[in-house]
Amino acid sequence: MNARTFLTLGEVSDVVAAALGRPPVGLERLTGGTKKGVYRLRFGDGGTAILYSWADAENYWPPAETVPDDPFTDASGLELFAANHAALTAARVRVPHLLSLDRRAGLAIVEDAGGEKLEALMERDPAAAAAPLAELGESLRRMHTATSATWGRLVAPAAVGTSPASPGGRRAEDVILDRALGHLGSVAGRDGRLTAASGRIEDHVRRLHAAISPRRVYGLVHGELGPDHVLVGPGGEPVMIDIEGLTHFDVEWEHAWLQMRFRDAYPALRPVELDPDRLELYRYAQVLALIEGPLRIAETDFPDRDWMLQLAEWNIAKALDLPE
C-alpha cells in the first residue's frame, strides 16, 4: 500500500494567507478522523484556526457494497459540509464559525472553537458538563422538530431523499432494513459466530422491521452524534462538529446513537417523543453497522486498527444477544 501524503505548511500557506489576510506559521494534523483531514493552523500572534481537507489521501475507508439510497453512506465532502453548516446555523445550532471556503482547493477554514471535547469534560468533571449537555439537548430539539415530509441529505443525488409517496420513493425504515441486511451479509463470512447465527439475526431484523407503523415525518439529524463530536466552546457552550452526515431522517436513528454514546447522561438531553418500535430496529441496525465498518477499516492502514477490532468485538457480542 502506498504511503499516504498529508498537507504541509508550504502547501497551504498561500491559500490561508489569501483567505485570512495572514500566513500561518505552523500546521498540526489532528488525529482521529477517518474521512477528512483536520489540521490546526497556528499564526504568529498566537491565534489558531482549524483547516479541513477532503483529499482522497485523508479518507481511510475502502469501498463497499451499499444501499443506493442510504443517506448515511459516504457522507463526506466540502459541498455537504457547506450546505449542512448553513442549515445548522439557520437552526441556531452552534457550529464552528466558517472563516473561508475554497472549493477549488477542497479546503475549509473554521474557528478553533475549543480544545476539549464534551466527552473528555464528562469524564473529567461531570458537574461542569451539565450545562453544555442541557444546551446540546436544546439544539437537538430544534433540529428534531425541524420536520420535512421527505427524507435525505440537504445536498444529494436525485435518488436520495425522494418523497416516500413519489414513484420509486421508500420509507426510511425500508432503507435501514436493507442497510442492516447488507451489513449482515458482509460480516457473516468473516466470523464463525456470525455465520452460525446469521439466519437468526436476519429473522430478528425482519421482525423488528415488521413491527413498525408507517410514518412520513422526518427531523434534521446529525447522523453520528456522540460526545466526541461536540466541542466545549469558549463560553462553555456545546459546538457540534463532523456535520457532513446531516440529513432529514427518522429522529429515532439519532436517538439510538445518542443512547449508545451518552449512556447514563442521555436523559440530560431531554429527548423528543420517540417510537419505541422504530427505535429498536435502528438500535440493532447500528450494532450491525458497528461490526461491518470497524472490520472493513481494520483491513486498511488506519493507525488505530486494534481499537476498531475491539469495537467490532463488543458489537458482535451485542448482535448475538438475541431473544429466545
C-alpha atoms as a PDB file:
ATOM      1  CA  MET A   1       0.000   0.000   0.000  1.00  0.00           C
ATOM      2  CA  ASN A   2       1.367   3.400  -0.970  1.00  0.00           C
ATOM      3  CA  ALA A   3       2.267   5.756   1.864  1.00  0.00           C
ATOM      4  CA  ARG A   4      -0.289   8.490   2.462  1.00  0.00           C
ATOM      5  CA  THR A   5       0.771  12.060   1.933  1.00  0.00           C
ATOM      6  CA  PHE A   6      -0.807  14.759   4.061  1.00  0.00           C
ATOM      7  CA  LEU A   7      -0.783  18.543   3.790  1.00  0.00           C
ATOM      8  CA  THR A   8       2.323  20.525   4.619  1.00  0.00           C
ATOM      9  CA  LEU A   9       2.628  24.106   5.769  1.00  0.00           C
ATOM     10  CA  GLY A  10       4.158  25.145   2.472  1.00  0.00           C
ATOM     11  CA  GLU A  11       1.222  23.735   0.505  1.00  0.00           C
ATOM     12  CA  VAL A  12      -1.436  25.691   2.394  1.00  0.00           C
ATOM     13  CA  SER A  13       0.418  28.845   3.418  1.00  0.00           C
ATOM     14  CA  ASP A  14      -0.567  30.951   0.389  1.00  0.00           C
ATOM     15  CA  VAL A  15      -4.190  29.738   0.400  1.00  0.00           C
ATOM     16  CA  VAL A  16      -4.589  30.542   4.095  1.00  0.00           C
ATOM     17  CA  ALA A  17      -2.854  33.915   3.777  1.00  0.00           C
ATOM     18  CA  ALA A  18      -5.129  34.895   0.888  1.00  0.00           C
ATOM     19  CA  ALA A  19      -8.245  33.798   2.791  1.00  0.00           C
ATOM     20  CA  LEU A  20      -7.451  35.223   6.217  1.00  0.00           C
ATOM     21  CA  GLY A  21      -5.000  38.002   5.440  1.00  0.00           C
ATOM     22  CA  ARG A  22      -2.138  36.473   7.405  1.00  0.00           C
ATOM     23  CA  PRO A  23       0.126  33.499   6.767  1.00  0.00           C
ATOM     24  CA  PRO A  24       0.239  30.565   9.174  1.00  0.00           C
ATOM     25  CA  VAL A  25       3.496  29.739  10.939  1.00  0.00           C
ATOM     26  CA  GLY A  26       2.529  26.199  11.946  1.00  0.00           C
ATOM     27  CA  LEU A  27       0.366  23.295  10.803  1.00  0.00           C
ATOM     28  CA  GLU A  28      -0.515  20.300  13.000  1.00  0.00           C
ATOM     29  CA  ARG A  29      -2.539  17.351  11.750  1.00  0.00           C
ATOM     30  CA  LEU A  30      -5.003  16.245  14.422  1.00  0.00           C
ATOM     31  CA  THR A  31      -5.719  12.560  14.958  1.00  0.00           C
ATOM     32  CA  GLY A  32      -8.981  10.648  14.925  1.00  0.00           C
ATOM     33  CA  GLY A  33     -10.502  11.477  11.544  1.00  0.00           C
ATOM     34  CA  THR A  34     -11.278   8.691   9.065  1.00  0.00           C
ATOM     35  CA  LYS A  35     -12.818  10.579   6.102  1.00  0.00           C
ATOM     36  CA  LYS A  36     -11.244  14.048   6.134  1.00  0.00           C
ATOM     37  CA  GLY A  37      -8.058  15.634   7.392  1.00  0.00           C
ATOM     38  CA  VAL A  38      -8.318  18.031  10.320  1.00  0.00           C
ATOM     39  CA  TYR A  39      -5.410  20.415  10.917  1.00  0.00           C
ATOM     40  CA  ARG A  40      -4.715  23.156  13.428  1.00  0.00           C
ATOM     41  CA  LEU A  41      -3.241  26.314  11.906  1.00  0.00           C
ATOM     42  CA  ARG A  42      -1.048  28.488  14.114  1.00  0.00           C
ATOM     43  CA  PHE A  43      -0.318  32.161  13.490  1.00  0.00           C
ATOM     44  CA  GLY A  44       2.452  34.462  14.600  1.00  0.00           C
ATOM     45  CA  ASP A  45       0.221  36.320  17.051  1.00  0.00           C
ATOM     46  CA  GLY A  46      -0.643  33.112  18.919  1.00  0.00           C
ATOM     47  CA  GLY A  47      -4.011  32.705  17.232  1.00  0.00           C
ATOM     48  CA  THR A  48      -5.233  29.432  15.767  1.00  0.00           C
ATOM     49  CA  ALA A  49      -7.800  28.130  13.292  1.00  0.00           C
ATOM     50  CA  ILE A  50      -8.887  24.717  12.015  1.00  0.00           C
ATOM     51  CA  LEU A  51      -8.440  23.590   8.414  1.00  0.00           C
ATOM     52  CA  TYR A  52     -10.455  20.740   6.862  1.00  0.00           C
ATOM     53  CA  SER A  53      -9.280  18.806   3.802  1.00  0.00           C
ATOM     54  CA  TRP A  54     -11.318  16.221   1.890  1.00  0.00           C
ATOM     55  CA  ALA A  55      -8.431  14.953  -0.239  1.00  0.00           C
ATOM     56  CA  ASP A  56      -8.508  11.261  -1.181  1.00  0.00           C
ATOM     57  CA  ALA A  57      -5.422  10.581   0.944  1.00  0.00           C
ATOM     58  CA  GLU A  58      -7.336  11.650   4.064  1.00  0.00           C
ATOM     59  CA  ASN A  59     -10.060   9.017   3.607  1.00  0.00           C
ATOM     60  CA  TYR A  60      -9.205   5.636   5.145  1.00  0.00           C
ATOM     61  CA  TRP A  61     -12.451   3.911   4.157  1.00  0.00           C
ATOM     62  CA  PRO A  62     -12.226   1.266   1.407  1.00  0.00           C
ATOM     63  CA  PRO A  63     -15.196   0.907  -0.958  1.00  0.00           C
ATOM     64  CA  ALA A  64     -18.018  -1.454  -0.063  1.00  0.00           C
ATOM     65  CA  GLU A  65     -21.368  -2.533  -1.421  1.00  0.00           C
ATOM     66  CA  THR A  66     -24.019  -0.116  -0.197  1.00  0.00           C
ATOM     67  CA  VAL A  67     -27.747   0.506  -0.374  1.00  0.00           C
ATOM     68  CA  PRO A  68     -28.059   3.034  -3.233  1.00  0.00           C
ATOM     69  CA  ASP A  69     -30.424   5.403  -1.425  1.00  0.00           C
ATOM     70  CA  ASP A  70     -28.825   5.180   2.023  1.00  0.00           C
ATOM     71  CA  PRO A  71     -28.250   8.828   3.056  1.00  0.00           C
ATOM     72  CA  PHE A  72     -25.571   7.845   5.581  1.00  0.00           C
ATOM     73  CA  THR A  73     -23.278   6.182   3.018  1.00  0.00           C
ATOM     74  CA  ASP A  74     -20.123   8.136   2.114  1.00  0.00           C
ATOM     75  CA  ALA A  75     -21.414  11.270   3.830  1.00  0.00           C
ATOM     76  CA  SER A  76     -18.281  13.318   3.243  1.00  0.00           C
ATOM     77  CA  GLY A  77     -17.161  16.247   1.140  1.00  0.00           C
ATOM     78  CA  LEU A  78     -16.908  20.000   1.011  1.00  0.00           C
ATOM     79  CA  GLU A  79     -20.341  20.581  -0.558  1.00  0.00           C
ATOM     80  CA  LEU A  80     -22.086  18.561   2.145  1.00  0.00           C
ATOM     81  CA  PHE A  81     -20.132  20.442   4.790  1.00  0.00           C
ATOM     82  CA  ALA A  82     -21.075  23.839   3.330  1.00  0.00           C
ATOM     83  CA  ALA A  83     -24.791  23.066   2.989  1.00  0.00           C
ATOM     84  CA  ASN A  84     -25.023  21.427   6.401  1.00  0.00           C
ATOM     85  CA  HIS A  85     -23.125  24.247   8.109  1.00  0.00           C
ATOM     86  CA  ALA A  86     -25.620  26.746   6.687  1.00  0.00           C
ATOM     87  CA  ALA A  87     -28.610  24.634   7.752  1.00  0.00           C
ATOM     88  CA  LEU A  88     -27.380  24.188  11.321  1.00  0.00           C
ATOM     89  CA  THR A  89     -26.560  27.880  11.623  1.00  0.00           C
ATOM     90  CA  ALA A  90     -30.092  28.702  10.445  1.00  0.00           C
ATOM     91  CA  ALA A  91     -31.468  26.295  13.083  1.00  0.00           C
ATOM     92  CA  ARG A  92     -29.475  28.154  15.763  1.00  0.00           C
ATOM     93  CA  VAL A  93     -27.188  25.200  16.408  1.00  0.00           C
ATOM     94  CA  ARG A  94     -23.678  26.246  17.406  1.00  0.00           C
ATOM     95  CA  VAL A  95     -21.050  25.045  14.936  1.00  0.00           C
ATOM     96  CA  PRO A  96     -17.525  26.399  14.402  1.00  0.00           C
ATOM     97  CA  HIS A  97     -17.751  29.751  12.595  1.00  0.00           C
ATOM     98  CA  LEU A  98     -16.875  29.391   8.921  1.00  0.00           C
ATOM     99  CA  LEU A  99     -13.915  31.617   8.016  1.00  0.00           C
ATOM    100  CA  SER A 100     -13.183  30.522   4.447  1.00  0.00           C
ATOM    101  CA  LEU A 101     -14.361  28.000   1.884  1.00  0.00           C
ATOM    102  CA  ASP A 102     -12.133  27.193  -1.089  1.00  0.00           C
ATOM    103  CA  ARG A 103     -13.942  24.857  -3.494  1.00  0.00           C
ATOM    104  CA  ARG A 104     -11.060  24.776  -5.959  1.00  0.00           C
ATOM    105  CA  ALA A 105      -8.592  23.601  -3.316  1.00  0.00           C
ATOM    106  CA  GLY A 106     -11.162  21.464  -1.485  1.00  0.00           C
ATOM    107  CA  LEU A 107     -10.426  23.193   1.824  1.00  0.00           C
ATOM    108  CA  ALA A 108     -12.446  24.899   4.544  1.00  0.00           C
ATOM    109  CA  ILE A 109     -11.144  27.019   7.411  1.00  0.00           C
ATOM    110  CA  VAL A 110     -13.196  27.385  10.581  1.00  0.00           C
ATOM    111  CA  GLU A 111     -12.651  28.867  14.006  1.00  0.00           C
ATOM    112  CA  ASP A 112     -10.740  26.829  16.558  1.00  0.00           C
ATOM    113  CA  ALA A 113     -13.801  26.505  18.806  1.00  0.00           C
ATOM    114  CA  GLY A 114     -12.297  24.664  21.729  1.00  0.00           C
ATOM    115  CA  GLY A 115      -9.531  22.343  22.758  1.00  0.00           C
ATOM    116  CA  GLU A 116     -11.692  19.998  24.851  1.00  0.00           C
ATOM    117  CA  LYS A 117     -14.402  17.649  23.675  1.00  0.00           C
ATOM    118  CA  LEU A 118     -17.592  17.177  25.655  1.00  0.00           C
ATOM    119  CA  GLU A 119     -16.634  13.520  26.060  1.00  0.00           C
ATOM    120  CA  ALA A 120     -13.465  14.483  27.959  1.00  0.00           C
ATOM    121  CA  LEU A 121     -15.316  17.026  30.120  1.00  0.00           C
ATOM    122  CA  MET A 122     -17.973  14.450  31.034  1.00  0.00           C
ATOM    123  CA  GLU A 123     -15.224  12.131  32.270  1.00  0.00           C
ATOM    124  CA  ARG A 124     -13.159  14.822  33.995  1.00  0.00           C
ATOM    125  CA  ASP A 125     -15.905  16.897  35.628  1.00  0.00           C
ATOM    126  CA  PRO A 126     -19.492  15.616  35.250  1.00  0.00           C
ATOM    127  CA  ALA A 127     -20.898  18.605  37.129  1.00  0.00           C
ATOM    128  CA  ALA A 128     -19.247  21.049  34.712  1.00  0.00           C
ATOM    129  CA  ALA A 129     -20.651  19.042  31.767  1.00  0.00           C
ATOM    130  CA  ALA A 130     -24.254  19.528  32.932  1.00  0.00           C
ATOM    131  CA  ALA A 131     -24.726  22.956  31.331  1.00  0.00           C
ATOM    132  CA  PRO A 132     -23.342  22.073  27.872  1.00  0.00           C
ATOM    133  CA  LEU A 133     -25.340  18.816  27.936  1.00  0.00           C
ATOM    134  CA  ALA A 134     -28.549  20.727  28.622  1.00  0.00           C
ATOM    135  CA  GLU A 135     -27.768  23.240  25.879  1.00  0.00           C
ATOM    136  CA  LEU A 136     -26.968  20.422  23.470  1.00  0.00           C
ATOM    137  CA  GLY A 137     -30.377  18.950  24.240  1.00  0.00           C
ATOM    138  CA  GLU A 138     -31.996  22.261  23.292  1.00  0.00           C
ATOM    139  CA  SER A 139     -30.104  22.266  19.993  1.00  0.00           C
ATOM    140  CA  LEU A 140     -31.168  18.703  19.257  1.00  0.00           C
ATOM    141  CA  ARG A 141     -34.820  19.501  19.907  1.00  0.00           C
ATOM    142  CA  ARG A 142     -34.625  22.387  17.438  1.00  0.00           C
ATOM    143  CA  MET A 143     -33.135  20.008  14.871  1.00  0.00           C
ATOM    144  CA  HIS A 144     -35.520  17.146  15.534  1.00  0.00           C
ATOM    145  CA  THR A 145     -38.610  19.350  15.332  1.00  0.00           C
ATOM    146  CA  ALA A 146     -37.454  20.993  12.067  1.00  0.00           C
ATOM    147  CA  THR A 147     -39.537  18.492  10.141  1.00  0.00           C
ATOM    148  CA  SER A 148     -39.784  17.587   6.485  1.00  0.00           C
ATOM    149  CA  ALA A 149     -42.176  15.374   4.512  1.00  0.00           C
ATOM    150  CA  THR A 150     -39.203  13.832   2.699  1.00  0.00           C
ATOM    151  CA  TRP A 151     -36.009  12.247   3.936  1.00  0.00           C
ATOM    152  CA  GLY A 152     -32.498  12.646   2.598  1.00  0.00           C
ATOM    153  CA  ARG A 153     -29.419  14.820   2.524  1.00  0.00           C
ATOM    154  CA  LEU A 154     -29.506  18.542   2.043  1.00  0.00           C
ATOM    155  CA  VAL A 155     -27.167  18.009  -0.930  1.00  0.00           C
ATOM    156  CA  ALA A 156     -27.863  14.685  -2.565  1.00  0.00           C
ATOM    157  CA  PRO A 157     -28.213  12.724  -5.789  1.00  0.00           C
ATOM    158  CA  ALA A 158     -31.743  12.673  -7.162  1.00  0.00           C
ATOM    159  CA  ALA A 159     -32.219   9.100  -5.915  1.00  0.00           C
ATOM    160  CA  VAL A 160     -31.645  10.078  -2.303  1.00  0.00           C
ATOM    161  CA  GLY A 161     -34.345  11.732  -0.264  1.00  0.00           C
ATOM    162  CA  THR A 162     -37.159  11.287  -2.772  1.00  0.00           C
ATOM    163  CA  SER A 163     -40.610  11.523  -1.282  1.00  0.00           C
ATOM    164  CA  PRO A 164     -41.887   8.203   0.084  1.00  0.00           C
ATOM    165  CA  ALA A 165     -45.111   8.943  -1.769  1.00  0.00           C
ATOM    166  CA  SER A 166     -43.392   9.559  -5.115  1.00  0.00           C
ATOM    167  CA  PRO A 167     -42.607   6.862  -7.723  1.00  0.00           C
ATOM    168  CA  GLY A 168     -39.573   4.923  -6.552  1.00  0.00           C
ATOM    169  CA  GLY A 169     -39.610   6.581  -3.132  1.00  0.00           C
ATOM    170  CA  ARG A 170     -39.282   4.478   0.007  1.00  0.00           C
ATOM    171  CA  ARG A 171     -39.873   4.914   3.699  1.00  0.00           C
ATOM    172  CA  ALA A 172     -36.846   5.411   5.922  1.00  0.00           C
ATOM    173  CA  GLU A 173     -37.267   2.110   7.782  1.00  0.00           C
ATOM    174  CA  ASP A 174     -37.108   0.199   4.470  1.00  0.00           C
ATOM    175  CA  VAL A 175     -33.726   1.737   3.721  1.00  0.00           C
ATOM    176  CA  ILE A 176     -32.456   0.741   7.166  1.00  0.00           C
ATOM    177  CA  LEU A 177     -33.750  -2.812   6.720  1.00  0.00           C
ATOM    178  CA  ASP A 178     -31.730  -3.182   3.510  1.00  0.00           C
ATOM    179  CA  ARG A 179     -28.745  -1.486   5.148  1.00  0.00           C
ATOM    180  CA  ALA A 180     -28.803  -3.869   8.127  1.00  0.00           C
ATOM    181  CA  LEU A 181     -29.150  -6.972   5.946  1.00  0.00           C
ATOM    182  CA  GLY A 182     -26.315  -5.754   3.732  1.00  0.00           C
ATOM    183  CA  HIS A 183     -24.072  -5.314   6.746  1.00  0.00           C
ATOM    184  CA  LEU A 184     -25.034  -8.767   7.997  1.00  0.00           C
ATOM    185  CA  GLY A 185     -24.176 -10.287   4.627  1.00  0.00           C
ATOM    186  CA  SER A 186     -20.809  -8.566   4.655  1.00  0.00           C
ATOM    187  CA  VAL A 187     -19.753  -9.746   8.123  1.00  0.00           C
ATOM    188  CA  ALA A 188     -21.368 -13.190   8.304  1.00  0.00           C
ATOM    189  CA  GLY A 189     -18.494 -14.791   6.382  1.00  0.00           C
ATOM    190  CA  ARG A 190     -15.796 -13.089   8.453  1.00  0.00           C
ATOM    191  CA  ASP A 191     -16.682 -14.502  11.862  1.00  0.00           C
ATOM    192  CA  GLY A 192     -17.808 -18.036  12.618  1.00  0.00           C
ATOM    193  CA  ARG A 193     -20.156 -16.902  15.370  1.00  0.00           C
ATOM    194  CA  LEU A 194     -21.983 -14.578  12.991  1.00  0.00           C
ATOM    195  CA  THR A 195     -22.021 -17.205  10.245  1.00  0.00           C
ATOM    196  CA  ALA A 196     -23.752 -19.649  12.581  1.00  0.00           C
ATOM    197  CA  ALA A 197     -26.241 -17.064  13.791  1.00  0.00           C
ATOM    198  CA  SER A 198     -26.890 -15.240  10.516  1.00  0.00           C
ATOM    199  CA  GLY A 199     -30.309 -16.821   9.968  1.00  0.00           C
ATOM    200  CA  ARG A 200     -31.490 -15.928  13.460  1.00  0.00           C
ATOM    201  CA  ILE A 201     -30.093 -12.403  13.111  1.00  0.00           C
ATOM    202  CA  GLU A 202     -31.876 -11.859   9.797  1.00  0.00           C
ATOM    203  CA  ASP A 203     -35.161 -13.123  11.252  1.00  0.00           C
ATOM    204  CA  HIS A 204     -34.735 -10.755  14.193  1.00  0.00           C
ATOM    205  CA  VAL A 205     -34.110  -7.758  11.914  1.00  0.00           C
ATOM    206  CA  ARG A 206     -37.167  -8.586   9.797  1.00  0.00           C
ATOM    207  CA  ARG A 207     -39.360  -8.957  12.901  1.00  0.00           C
ATOM    208  CA  LEU A 208     -38.239  -5.567  14.169  1.00  0.00           C
ATOM    209  CA  HIS A 209     -38.992  -4.012  10.778  1.00  0.00           C
ATOM    210  CA  ALA A 210     -42.439  -5.645  10.565  1.00  0.00           C
ATOM    211  CA  ALA A 211     -43.444  -4.151  13.924  1.00  0.00           C
ATOM    212  CA  ILE A 212     -43.077  -0.554  12.690  1.00  0.00           C
ATOM    213  CA  SER A 213     -46.127   1.516  11.760  1.00  0.00           C
ATOM    214  CA  PRO A 214     -45.711   3.785   8.704  1.00  0.00           C
ATOM    215  CA  ARG A 215     -44.760   7.405   9.368  1.00  0.00           C
ATOM    216  CA  ARG A 216     -43.711  10.171   6.984  1.00  0.00           C
ATOM    217  CA  VAL A 217     -42.348  12.961   9.163  1.00  0.00           C
ATOM    218  CA  TYR A 218     -38.588  13.435   9.299  1.00  0.00           C
ATOM    219  CA  GLY A 219     -36.425  15.627  11.514  1.00  0.00           C
ATOM    220  CA  LEU A 220     -32.969  17.039  10.929  1.00  0.00           C
ATOM    221  CA  VAL A 221     -30.409  14.602  12.361  1.00  0.00           C
ATOM    222  CA  HIS A 222     -26.629  14.723  12.714  1.00  0.00           C
ATOM    223  CA  GLY A 223     -26.377  11.009  11.977  1.00  0.00           C
ATOM    224  CA  GLU A 224     -23.485  10.031  14.245  1.00  0.00           C
ATOM    225  CA  LEU A 225     -23.556  12.373  17.217  1.00  0.00           C
ATOM    226  CA  GLY A 226     -21.554  11.335  20.246  1.00  0.00           C
ATOM    227  CA  PRO A 227     -19.842  13.430  22.916  1.00  0.00           C
ATOM    228  CA  ASP A 228     -16.659  13.107  20.840  1.00  0.00           C
ATOM    229  CA  HIS A 229     -18.382  15.123  18.091  1.00  0.00           C
ATOM    230  CA  VAL A 230     -19.115  18.048  20.391  1.00  0.00           C
ATOM    231  CA  LEU A 231     -16.514  20.611  21.451  1.00  0.00           C
ATOM    232  CA  VAL A 232     -16.841  22.801  24.530  1.00  0.00           C
ATOM    233  CA  GLY A 233     -16.670  26.354  23.191  1.00  0.00           C
ATOM    234  CA  PRO A 234     -15.070  29.468  24.674  1.00  0.00           C
ATOM    235  CA  GLY A 235     -18.186  30.248  26.734  1.00  0.00           C
ATOM    236  CA  GLY A 236     -18.763  26.649  27.816  1.00  0.00           C
ATOM    237  CA  GLU A 237     -21.323  26.101  25.055  1.00  0.00           C
ATOM    238  CA  PRO A 238     -21.552  22.880  23.008  1.00  0.00           C
ATOM    239  CA  VAL A 239     -20.173  23.193  19.468  1.00  0.00           C
ATOM    240  CA  MET A 240     -21.229  20.479  17.007  1.00  0.00           C
ATOM    241  CA  ILE A 241     -18.588  19.129  14.606  1.00  0.00           C
ATOM    242  CA  ASP A 242     -18.293  16.381  11.949  1.00  0.00           C
ATOM    243  CA  ILE A 243     -21.526  17.567  10.386  1.00  0.00           C
ATOM    244  CA  GLU A 244     -21.241  16.107   6.876  1.00  0.00           C
ATOM    245  CA  GLY A 245     -23.773  13.344   7.695  1.00  0.00           C
ATOM    246  CA  LEU A 246     -26.591  15.795   8.439  1.00  0.00           C
ATOM    247  CA  THR A 247     -29.839  14.633   6.829  1.00  0.00           C
ATOM    248  CA  HIS A 248     -33.598  14.642   7.199  1.00  0.00           C
ATOM    249  CA  PHE A 249     -34.472  11.250   8.628  1.00  0.00           C
ATOM    250  CA  ASP A 250     -36.309   9.478  11.447  1.00  0.00           C
ATOM    251  CA  VAL A 251     -35.202  11.062  14.716  1.00  0.00           C
ATOM    252  CA  GLU A 252     -35.095   7.580  16.265  1.00  0.00           C
ATOM    253  CA  TRP A 253     -31.956   6.933  14.214  1.00  0.00           C
ATOM    254  CA  GLU A 254     -30.282   9.807  16.043  1.00  0.00           C
ATOM    255  CA  HIS A 255     -31.562   8.746  19.441  1.00  0.00           C
ATOM    256  CA  ALA A 256     -30.459   5.142  19.065  1.00  0.00           C
ATOM    257  CA  TRP A 257     -26.963   6.535  18.571  1.00  0.00           C
ATOM    258  CA  LEU A 258     -27.292   9.103  21.364  1.00  0.00           C
ATOM    259  CA  GLN A 259     -28.410   6.447  23.840  1.00  0.00           C
ATOM    260  CA  MET A 260     -25.411   4.290  22.977  1.00  0.00           C
ATOM    261  CA  ARG A 261     -22.866   7.102  23.110  1.00  0.00           C
ATOM    262  CA  PHE A 262     -24.118   9.240  26.018  1.00  0.00           C
ATOM    263  CA  ARG A 263     -25.251   6.308  28.177  1.00  0.00           C
ATOM    264  CA  ASP A 264     -26.154   7.500  31.680  1.00  0.00           C
ATOM    265  CA  ALA A 265     -26.020  11.148  30.572  1.00  0.00           C
ATOM    266  CA  TYR A 266     -28.597  10.614  27.798  1.00  0.00           C
ATOM    267  CA  PRO A 267     -31.652  11.731  29.870  1.00  0.00           C
ATOM    268  CA  ALA A 268     -29.990  15.134  30.321  1.00  0.00           C
ATOM    269  CA  LEU A 269     -30.609  15.727  26.607  1.00  0.00           C
ATOM    270  CA  ARG A 270     -34.388  15.679  27.266  1.00  0.00           C
ATOM    271  CA  PRO A 271     -35.290  13.819  24.072  1.00  0.00           C
ATOM    272  CA  VAL A 272     -38.398  14.365  21.988  1.00  0.00           C
ATOM    273  CA  GLU A 273     -41.121  11.697  21.985  1.00  0.00           C
ATOM    274  CA  LEU A 274     -39.937   8.565  20.189  1.00  0.00           C
ATOM    275  CA  ASP A 275     -41.495   5.491  18.556  1.00  0.00           C
ATOM    276  CA  PRO A 276     -40.143   2.510  20.566  1.00  0.00           C
ATOM    277  CA  ASP A 277     -40.529   0.006  17.704  1.00  0.00           C
ATOM    278  CA  ARG A 278     -38.650   2.222  15.257  1.00  0.00           C
ATOM    279  CA  LEU A 279     -36.003   2.906  17.899  1.00  0.00           C
ATOM    280  CA  GLU A 280     -35.445  -0.814  18.480  1.00  0.00           C
ATOM    281  CA  LEU A 281     -34.874  -1.559  14.778  1.00  0.00           C
ATOM    282  CA  TYR A 282     -32.462   1.347  14.452  1.00  0.00           C
ATOM    283  CA  ARG A 283     -30.573   0.399  17.589  1.00  0.00           C
ATOM    284  CA  TYR A 284     -29.961  -3.120  16.301  1.00  0.00           C
ATOM    285  CA  ALA A 285     -29.117  -1.906  12.790  1.00  0.00           C
ATOM    286  CA  GLN A 286     -26.437   0.318  14.275  1.00  0.00           C
ATOM    287  CA  VAL A 287     -24.975  -2.653  16.142  1.00  0.00           C
ATOM    288  CA  LEU A 288     -24.539  -4.443  12.803  1.00  0.00           C
ATOM    289  CA  ALA A 289     -23.046  -1.286  11.263  1.00  0.00           C
ATOM    290  CA  LEU A 290     -20.537  -1.112  14.113  1.00  0.00           C
ATOM    291  CA  ILE A 291     -19.361  -4.592  13.229  1.00  0.00           C
ATOM    292  CA  GLU A 292     -19.140  -4.113   9.465  1.00  0.00           C
ATOM    293  CA  GLY A 293     -17.492  -0.687   9.490  1.00  0.00           C
ATOM    294  CA  PRO A 294     -14.727  -1.409  12.019  1.00  0.00           C
ATOM    295  CA  LEU A 295     -13.888  -4.775  10.418  1.00  0.00           C
ATOM    296  CA  ARG A 296     -13.651  -3.119   6.999  1.00  0.00           C
ATOM    297  CA  ILE A 297     -11.467  -0.195   8.076  1.00  0.00           C
ATOM    298  CA  ALA A 298      -9.266  -2.537  10.161  1.00  0.00           C
ATOM    299  CA  GLU A 299      -8.186  -4.139   6.877  1.00  0.00           C
ATOM    300  CA  THR A 300      -6.604  -0.843   5.778  1.00  0.00           C
ATOM    301  CA  ASP A 301      -3.656   1.175   7.089  1.00  0.00           C
ATOM    302  CA  PHE A 302      -5.835   3.003   9.616  1.00  0.00           C
ATOM    303  CA  PRO A 303      -3.463   3.734  12.524  1.00  0.00           C
ATOM    304  CA  ASP A 304      -5.746   2.618  15.377  1.00  0.00           C
ATOM    305  CA  ARG A 305      -6.633  -0.812  13.995  1.00  0.00           C
ATOM    306  CA  ASP A 306      -6.750  -2.531  17.408  1.00  0.00           C
ATOM    307  CA  TRP A 307      -9.385  -0.082  18.674  1.00  0.00           C
ATOM    308  CA  MET A 308     -11.556  -0.819  15.632  1.00  0.00           C
ATOM    309  CA  LEU A 309     -11.277  -4.561  16.221  1.00  0.00           C
ATOM    310  CA  GLN A 310     -12.264  -4.104  19.867  1.00  0.00           C
ATOM    311  CA  LEU A 311     -15.274  -2.039  18.798  1.00  0.00           C
ATOM    312  CA  ALA A 312     -16.329  -4.768  16.375  1.00  0.00           C
ATOM    313  CA  GLU A 313     -15.920  -7.456  19.056  1.00  0.00           C
ATOM    314  CA  TRP A 314     -18.041  -5.519  21.532  1.00  0.00           C
ATOM    315  CA  ASN A 315     -20.835  -5.197  18.973  1.00  0.00           C
ATOM    316  CA  ILE A 316     -20.591  -8.853  17.888  1.00  0.00           C
ATOM    317  CA  ALA A 317     -21.481  -9.765  21.461  1.00  0.00           C
ATOM    318  CA  LYS A 318     -24.462  -7.393  21.342  1.00  0.00           C
ATOM    319  CA  ALA A 319     -25.628  -8.744  17.975  1.00  0.00           C
ATOM    320  CA  LEU A 320     -25.552 -12.313  19.284  1.00  0.00           C
ATOM    321  CA  ASP A 321     -27.577 -11.427  22.399  1.00  0.00           C
ATOM    322  CA  LEU A 322     -30.878 -12.294  20.753  1.00  0.00           C
ATOM    323  CA  PRO A 323     -34.190 -13.036  22.467  1.00  0.00           C
ATOM    324  CA  GLU A 324     -35.040 -16.720  22.612  1.00  0.00           C
END
